[in-house]
Structures are given as structure tokens and as C-alpha cells.
Amino acid sequence: MTKYAYQARLEDCTSHTLRHTFGKTLVDAGVPLDQVATLMGHESLDTTKVYTRPSKRDLERAVRRAAGEV
């Protein structure tokens, strides 16, 4: 993992980070939660719901949009 992160010039990259990013990206792209669960290997949608929580970046964008900055 470290070798590939280095080659891709990714800092502080872990398998957990890649997995979470994959799940969040799917949700953000509008992939239905049941399909995300299947792709992630989750047996329960409750486990998959973590990817629907807004990130700090999502919240910052929402505030900028509300302020008319975007």
C-alpha cells in the first residue's frame, strides 16, 4: 500500500482512507445506498450510512453557496 501511495504522490494514505473515499465518492455521485453497500461488502445499510454524513468539505461548500460565493 505504501509503495503505491508513494508512486501516486499521496500523503498519509491508508487502505481505510482509500476505502472511505471510494464509498463517499459513490454516494456523492448519486449511486443508490444499496448498491454502495454491495460494492463495499456491507451486510447492513446501517454500516453504509456513514458515507452519507456530510464531510467538513461538504459543509464548507454549503456555507459558501449560502453566502453566494460559489
C-alpha atoms as a PDB file:
ATOM      1  CA  MET A   1       0.000   0.000   0.000  1.00  0.00           C
ATOM      2  CA  THR A   2       2.707   2.467   0.983  1.00  0.00           C
ATOM      3  CA  LYS A   3       4.569   1.817  -2.261  1.00  0.00           C
ATOM      4  CA  TYR A   4       1.521   2.673  -4.385  1.00  0.00           C
ATOM      5  CA  ALA A   5       0.645   5.725  -2.300  1.00  0.00           C
ATOM      6  CA  TYR A   6       4.203   6.962  -2.774  1.00  0.00           C
ATOM      7  CA  GLN A   7       4.048   6.348  -6.533  1.00  0.00           C
ATOM      8  CA  ALA A   8       0.751   8.251  -6.734  1.00  0.00           C
ATOM      9  CA  ARG A   9       2.260  11.038  -4.598  1.00  0.00           C
ATOM     10  CA  LEU A  10      -0.417  10.630  -1.924  1.00  0.00           C
ATOM     11  CA  GLU A  11       0.484  11.653   1.595  1.00  0.00           C
ATOM     12  CA  ASP A  12      -0.872   9.925   4.703  1.00  0.00           C
ATOM     13  CA  CYS A  13      -2.770   7.451   2.538  1.00  0.00           C
ATOM     14  CA  THR A  14      -4.075   4.310   4.196  1.00  0.00           C
ATOM     15  CA  SER A  15      -6.282   1.499   2.956  1.00  0.00           C
ATOM     16  CA  HIS A  16      -9.001   2.839   5.273  1.00  0.00           C
ATOM     17  CA  THR A  17      -8.734   6.296   3.673  1.00  0.00           C
ATOM     18  CA  LEU A  18      -8.994   4.837   0.167  1.00  0.00           C
ATOM     19  CA  ARG A  19     -11.972   2.676   1.144  1.00  0.00           C
ATOM     20  CA  HIS A  20     -13.789   5.582   2.786  1.00  0.00           C
ATOM     21  CA  THR A  21     -13.058   7.862  -0.172  1.00  0.00           C
ATOM     22  CA  PHE A  22     -14.430   5.230  -2.548  1.00  0.00           C
ATOM     23  CA  GLY A  23     -17.656   4.904  -0.546  1.00  0.00           C
ATOM     24  CA  LYS A  24     -18.129   8.666  -0.154  1.00  0.00           C
ATOM     25  CA  THR A  25     -17.442   9.263  -3.849  1.00  0.00           C
ATOM     26  CA  LEU A  26     -20.081   6.703  -4.813  1.00  0.00           C
ATOM     27  CA  VAL A  27     -22.673   8.316  -2.529  1.00  0.00           C
ATOM     28  CA  ASP A  28     -21.789  11.808  -3.768  1.00  0.00           C
ATOM     29  CA  ALA A  29     -22.192  10.579  -7.361  1.00  0.00           C
ATOM     30  CA  GLY A  30     -25.746   9.517  -6.574  1.00  0.00           C
ATOM     31  CA  VAL A  31     -25.224   5.762  -6.515  1.00  0.00           C
ATOM     32  CA  PRO A  32     -28.102   4.214  -4.534  1.00  0.00           C
ATOM     33  CA  LEU A  33     -27.146   3.234  -0.987  1.00  0.00           C
ATOM     34  CA  ASP A  34     -27.991  -0.443  -1.504  1.00  0.00           C
ATOM     35  CA  GLN A  35     -25.575  -0.581  -4.435  1.00  0.00           C
ATOM     36  CA  VAL A  36     -22.870   1.185  -2.424  1.00  0.00           C
ATOM     37  CA  ALA A  37     -23.410  -1.370   0.360  1.00  0.00           C
ATOM     38  CA  THR A  38     -22.958  -4.211  -2.102  1.00  0.00           C
ATOM     39  CA  LEU A  39     -19.814  -2.706  -3.608  1.00  0.00           C
ATOM     40  CA  MET A  40     -18.393  -2.078  -0.131  1.00  0.00           C
ATOM     41  CA  GLY A  41     -19.235  -5.591   1.041  1.00  0.00           C
ATOM     42  CA  HIS A  42     -21.560  -4.390   3.806  1.00  0.00           C
ATOM     43  CA  GLU A  43     -24.339  -6.656   5.008  1.00  0.00           C
ATOM     44  CA  SER A  44     -26.249  -3.815   6.641  1.00  0.00           C
ATOM     45  CA  LEU A  45     -27.259  -0.427   5.243  1.00  0.00           C
ATOM     46  CA  ASP A  46     -26.622   0.973   8.730  1.00  0.00           C
ATOM     47  CA  THR A  47     -22.920   0.354   8.132  1.00  0.00           C
ATOM     48  CA  THR A  48     -23.090   2.118   4.773  1.00  0.00           C
ATOM     49  CA  LYS A  49     -24.913   5.180   6.107  1.00  0.00           C
ATOM     50  CA  VAL A  50     -21.606   6.569   7.405  1.00  0.00           C
ATOM     51  CA  TYR A  51     -20.869   7.645   3.815  1.00  0.00           C
ATOM     52  CA  THR A  52     -23.986   9.824   3.719  1.00  0.00           C
ATOM     53  CA  ARG A  53     -22.778  12.101   6.510  1.00  0.00           C
ATOM     54  CA  PRO A  54     -21.527  15.425   5.180  1.00  0.00           C
ATOM     55  CA  SER A  55     -17.781  15.908   5.383  1.00  0.00           C
ATOM     56  CA  LYS A  56     -16.163  19.097   6.606  1.00  0.00           C
ATOM     57  CA  ARG A  57     -15.550  19.972   2.959  1.00  0.00           C
ATOM     58  CA  ASP A  58     -19.240  19.395   2.135  1.00  0.00           C
ATOM     59  CA  LEU A  59     -20.279  21.723   4.952  1.00  0.00           C
ATOM     60  CA  GLU A  60     -17.795  24.418   3.937  1.00  0.00           C
ATOM     61  CA  ARG A  61     -19.157  24.307   0.370  1.00  0.00           C
ATOM     62  CA  ALA A  62     -22.710  24.597   1.665  1.00  0.00           C
ATOM     63  CA  VAL A  63     -21.814  27.707   3.675  1.00  0.00           C
ATOM     64  CA  ARG A  64     -20.071  29.274   0.639  1.00  0.00           C
ATOM     65  CA  ARG A  65     -23.108  28.534  -1.539  1.00  0.00           C
ATOM     66  CA  ALA A  66     -25.421  30.075   1.055  1.00  0.00           C
ATOM     67  CA  ALA A  67     -23.203  33.160   1.148  1.00  0.00           C
ATOM     68  CA  GLY A  68     -23.346  33.429  -2.636  1.00  0.00           C
ATOM     69  CA  GLU A  69     -19.635  32.753  -3.061  1.00  0.00           C
ATOM     70  CA  VAL A  70     -19.998  29.796  -5.417  1.00  0.00           C
END
